[in-house]
C-alpha atoms as a PDB file:
ATOM      1  CA  MET A   1     178.054 311.023  97.563  1.00  0.00           C
ATOM      2  CA  LYS A   2     180.380 310.636  94.417  1.00  0.00           C
ATOM      3  CA  LYS A   3     182.681 307.242  95.749  1.00  0.00           C
ATOM      4  CA  PRO A   4     179.322 305.560  96.735  1.00  0.00           C
ATOM      5  CA  PHE A   5     177.885 306.458  93.921  1.00  0.00           C
ATOM      6  CA  ILE A   6     180.974 304.914  91.838  1.00  0.00           C
ATOM      7  CA  ILE A   7     181.039 301.457  93.177  1.00  0.00           C
ATOM      8  CA  PHE A   8     177.571 301.203  93.002  1.00  0.00           C
ATOM      9  CA  VAL A   9     178.086 302.158  89.231  1.00  0.00           C
ATOM     10  CA  ILE A  10     180.762 299.846  89.140  1.00  0.00           C
ATOM     11  CA  SER A  11     179.292 297.018  90.794  1.00  0.00           C
ATOM     12  CA  ALA A  12     176.658 297.209  89.045  1.00  0.00           C
ATOM     13  CA  LEU A  13     178.736 296.734  85.638  1.00  0.00           C
ATOM     14  CA  ILE A  14     180.637 294.229  86.811  1.00  0.00           C
ATOM     15  CA  GLY A  15     177.543 292.272  87.585  1.00  0.00           C
ATOM     16  CA  LEU A  16     176.180 292.720  84.194  1.00  0.00           C
ATOM     17  CA  GLY A  17     178.794 291.593  83.003  1.00  0.00           C
ATOM     18  CA  LEU A  18     179.535 288.722  84.744  1.00  0.00           C
ATOM     19  CA  GLY A  19     175.447 288.384  84.327  1.00  0.00           C
ATOM     20  CA  TYR A  20     175.975 287.101  80.585  1.00  0.00           C
ATOM     21  CA  LEU A  21     179.058 285.305  80.771  1.00  0.00           C
ATOM     22  CA  VAL A  22     177.762 282.944  82.916  1.00  0.00           C
ATOM     23  CA  PHE A  23     174.088 283.058  81.693  1.00  0.00           C
ATOM     24  CA  ASP A  24     175.412 282.947  77.634  1.00  0.00           C
ATOM     25  CA  VAL A  25     173.138 285.859  77.268  1.00  0.00           C
ATOM     26  CA  ILE A  26     175.787 287.065  74.796  1.00  0.00           C
ATOM     27  CA  ALA A  27     176.410 284.446  72.195  1.00  0.00           C
ATOM     28  CA  PRO A  28     173.704 281.690  73.414  1.00  0.00           C
ATOM     29  CA  GLY A  29     174.340 279.126  71.434  1.00  0.00           C
ATOM     30  CA  GLN A  30     178.718 278.962  71.608  1.00  0.00           C
ATOM     31  CA  SER A  31     178.802 275.413  73.682  1.00  0.00           C
ATOM     32  CA  LYS A  32     177.257 272.496  72.742  1.00  0.00           C
ATOM     33  CA  PRO A  33     175.801 270.476  75.576  1.00  0.00           C
ATOM     34  CA  GLU A  34     177.397 266.815  74.887  1.00  0.00           C
ATOM     35  CA  VAL A  35     175.199 263.903  74.646  1.00  0.00           C
ATOM     36  CA  ALA A  36     175.731 260.740  76.558  1.00  0.00           C
ATOM     37  CA  VAL A  37     177.170 258.139  75.067  1.00  0.00           C
ATOM     38  CA  ASN A  38     176.426 254.805  76.382  1.00  0.00           C
ATOM     39  CA  ASP A  39     179.382 251.982  76.264  1.00  0.00           C
ATOM     40  CA  LYS A  40     177.043 249.452  77.583  1.00  0.00           C
ATOM     41  CA  GLU A  41     174.578 249.342  74.462  1.00  0.00           C
ATOM     42  CA  ASP A  42     176.405 246.374  72.938  1.00  0.00           C
ATOM     43  CA  SER A  43     174.769 244.116  75.973  1.00  0.00           C
ATOM     44  CA  LYS A  44     171.387 245.607  75.424  1.00  0.00           C
ATOM     45  CA  SER A  45     168.553 243.837  73.615  1.00  0.00           C
ATOM     46  CA  SER A  46     167.550 245.045  70.016  1.00  0.00           C
ATOM     47  CA  GLU A  47     164.314 246.332  71.561  1.00  0.00           C
ATOM     48  CA  GLU A  48     165.860 248.240  74.295  1.00  0.00           C
ATOM     49  CA  ALA A  49     169.034 250.168  72.639  1.00  0.00           C
ATOM     50  CA  THR A  50     166.150 250.964  69.828  1.00  0.00           C
ATOM     51  CA  GLU A  51     163.743 252.711  72.781  1.00  0.00           C
ATOM     52  CA  GLU A  52     166.583 254.928  73.979  1.00  0.00           C
ATOM     53  CA  SER A  53     167.990 255.384  71.119  1.00  0.00           C
ATOM     54  CA  ASP A  54     164.218 256.846  69.608  1.00  0.00           C
ATOM     55  CA  LYS A  55     164.626 259.801  73.176  1.00  0.00           C
ATOM     56  CA  THR A  56     168.102 260.784  72.437  1.00  0.00           C
ATOM     57  CA  VAL A  57     167.716 264.294  70.090  1.00  0.00           C
ATOM     58  CA  ALA A  58     170.727 264.870  68.174  1.00  0.00           C
ATOM     59  CA  VAL A  59     171.966 268.759  69.890  1.00  0.00           C
ATOM     60  CA  SER A  60     173.135 270.292  66.533  1.00  0.00           C
ATOM     61  CA  ASP A  61     171.833 274.125  65.598  1.00  0.00           C
ATOM     62  CA  ASP A  62     168.271 272.229  64.059  1.00  0.00           C
ATOM     63  CA  ASN A  63     167.727 271.218  67.999  1.00  0.00           C
ATOM     64  CA  ILE A  64     164.593 273.859  68.519  1.00  0.00           C
ATOM     65  CA  LEU A  65     165.453 273.173  72.863  1.00  0.00           C
ATOM     66  CA  GLN A  66     169.072 274.185  71.438  1.00  0.00           C
ATOM     67  CA  ALA A  67     168.170 277.136  68.617  1.00  0.00           C
ATOM     68  CA  LYS A  68     165.877 278.712  71.029  1.00  0.00           C
ATOM     69  CA  GLY A  69     168.637 278.514  73.426  1.00  0.00           C
ATOM     70  CA  CYS A  70     166.210 276.495  76.186  1.00  0.00           C
ATOM     71  CA  LEU A  71     169.069 274.199  77.288  1.00  0.00           C
ATOM     72  CA  GLY A  72     171.177 277.414  78.549  1.00  0.00           C
ATOM     73  CA  CYS A  73     169.158 277.351  81.668  1.00  0.00           C
ATOM     74  CA  HIS A  74     167.733 274.126  81.613  1.00  0.00           C
ATOM     75  CA  ALA A  75     169.180 270.227  80.984  1.00  0.00           C
ATOM     76  CA  VAL A  76     166.200 268.038  79.553  1.00  0.00           C
ATOM     77  CA  SER A  77     168.244 263.938  81.257  1.00  0.00           C
ATOM     78  CA  GLY A  78     165.285 261.909  79.399  1.00  0.00           C
ATOM     79  CA  LEU A  79     166.413 263.439  75.898  1.00  0.00           C
ATOM     80  CA  ASN A  80     170.669 262.676  76.945  1.00  0.00           C
ATOM     81  CA  LEU A  81     171.096 266.944  77.165  1.00  0.00           C
ATOM     82  CA  GLU A  82     173.258 268.397  79.771  1.00  0.00           C
ATOM     83  CA  GLY A  83     172.219 272.209  80.261  1.00  0.00           C
ATOM     84  CA  GLY A  84     172.179 275.003  82.414  1.00  0.00           C
ATOM     85  CA  ALA A  85     171.251 274.273  85.981  1.00  0.00           C
ATOM     86  CA  THR A  86     169.629 277.321  86.882  1.00  0.00           C
ATOM     87  CA  GLY A  87     166.101 275.814  85.198  1.00  0.00           C
ATOM     88  CA  PRO A  88     164.929 272.689  86.487  1.00  0.00           C
ATOM     89  CA  ASP A  89     165.504 269.613  84.697  1.00  0.00           C
ATOM     90  CA  LEU A  90     162.651 269.071  81.260  1.00  0.00           C
ATOM     91  CA  THR A  91     162.562 265.579  81.446  1.00  0.00           C
ATOM     92  CA  GLN A  92     158.714 265.456  82.856  1.00  0.00           C
ATOM     93  CA  ALA A  93     158.368 268.895  81.673  1.00  0.00           C
ATOM     94  CA  PHE A  94     155.290 267.888  79.264  1.00  0.00           C
ATOM     95  CA  ASN A  95     153.488 265.805  82.584  1.00  0.00           C
ATOM     96  CA  ASN A  96     153.720 268.865  85.418  1.00  0.00           C
ATOM     97  CA  VAL A  97     153.489 271.727  84.053  1.00  0.00           C
ATOM     98  CA  GLU A  98     149.933 271.051  83.288  1.00  0.00           C
ATOM     99  CA  GLY A  99     149.601 270.416  87.426  1.00  0.00           C
ATOM    100  CA  LYS A 100     152.008 273.513  88.420  1.00  0.00           C
ATOM    101  CA  HIS A 101     151.282 276.007  85.867  1.00  0.00           C
ATOM    102  CA  GLY A 102     147.186 274.761  85.760  1.00  0.00           C
ATOM    103  CA  LYS A 103     147.182 274.556  81.268  1.00  0.00           C
ATOM    104  CA  PRO A 104     148.520 272.579  78.832  1.00  0.00           C
ATOM    105  CA  LEU A 105     152.572 273.365  78.102  1.00  0.00           C
ATOM    106  CA  ALA A 106     152.264 273.405  74.886  1.00  0.00           C
ATOM    107  CA  GLU A 107     149.322 276.984  76.692  1.00  0.00           C
ATOM    108  CA  PHE A 108     152.017 277.590  79.239  1.00  0.00           C
ATOM    109  CA  LEU A 109     154.800 278.032  76.560  1.00  0.00           C
ATOM    110  CA  LYS A 110     152.117 280.940  74.917  1.00  0.00           C
ATOM    111  CA  GLU A 111     151.997 282.647  77.979  1.00  0.00           C
ATOM    112  CA  PRO A 112     153.349 280.874  81.096  1.00  0.00           C
ATOM    113  CA  THR A 113     152.774 281.919  84.471  1.00  0.00           C
ATOM    114  CA  SER A 114     155.820 281.779  85.979  1.00  0.00           C
ATOM    115  CA  ALA A 115     157.389 284.887  86.401  1.00  0.00           C
ATOM    116  CA  VAL A 116     161.526 284.086  85.107  1.00  0.00           C
ATOM    117  CA  MET A 117     159.478 282.672  82.005  1.00  0.00           C
ATOM    118  CA  SER A 118     157.103 285.282  81.165  1.00  0.00           C
ATOM    119  CA  SER A 119     160.032 287.436  80.164  1.00  0.00           C
ATOM    120  CA  VAL A 120     162.037 285.168  79.215  1.00  0.00           C
ATOM    121  CA  ILE A 121     159.290 283.883  76.423  1.00  0.00           C
ATOM    122  CA  GLY A 122     158.327 287.311  76.380  1.00  0.00           C
ATOM    123  CA  GLY A 123     161.298 288.514  74.789  1.00  0.00           C
ATOM    124  CA  ASN A 124     161.344 285.698  72.909  1.00  0.00           C
ATOM    125  CA  PRO A 125     158.003 284.357  71.517  1.00  0.00           C
ATOM    126  CA  LEU A 126     157.484 280.926  70.541  1.00  0.00           C
ATOM    127  CA  THR A 127     155.870 280.652  67.415  1.00  0.00           C
ATOM    128  CA  ASP A 128     152.952 277.775  67.104  1.00  0.00           C
ATOM    129  CA  GLU A 129     155.688 275.572  64.852  1.00  0.00           C
ATOM    130  CA  GLU A 130     158.194 276.086  67.709  1.00  0.00           C
ATOM    131  CA  ILE A 131     155.654 275.591  69.871  1.00  0.00           C
ATOM    132  CA  SER A 132     154.189 271.996  69.107  1.00  0.00           C
ATOM    133  CA  GLN A 133     158.649 271.393  68.260  1.00  0.00           C
ATOM    134  CA  VAL A 134     160.015 271.854  72.309  1.00  0.00           C
ATOM    135  CA  VAL A 135     156.306 269.707  73.061  1.00  0.00           C
ATOM    136  CA  GLU A 136     157.149 267.021  71.029  1.00  0.00           C
ATOM    137  CA  ALA A 137     160.531 267.398  72.327  1.00  0.00           C
ATOM    138  CA  LEU A 138     159.337 267.023  75.420  1.00  0.00           C
ATOM    139  CA  LYS A 139     157.123 264.986  75.104  1.00  0.00           C
ATOM    140  CA  LYS A 140     159.376 262.101  73.912  1.00  0.00           C
ATOM    141  CA  ALA A 141     161.399 262.977  76.905  1.00  0.00           C
ATOM    142  CA  ALA A 142     159.196 262.170  79.503  1.00  0.00           C
ATOM    143  CA  GLU A 143     158.043 259.080  77.378  1.00  0.00           C
END
């Protein structure tokens, strides 16, 4: 009876420890995603370059997607933001959330209908200002 219990406890501790390391829960934001650099920008018209630079979001501590930990699980290729592969790419989230979850993105971020996001946002709810910043960033990504 003791041996299986000890093995269970050790396995649980190892699993939790690896989960924290892999999903960046202990120290979120330590590793910054890299912004893709396009060397061919010189050959683009100035209009195309401006359009692309408008879509790129600086990866810094003031980036709402980085600051709130979204990039720990999600990437946003529409903004050239690399992130985790656990969740889906959020490039088209602005357009697709309503069809998938039955409510607009801003409402979904207030009260998520998916089990995973309910637990994530429930533990760290977003303010109205943060929600509007996330919605604006994802709207820009979808353009």
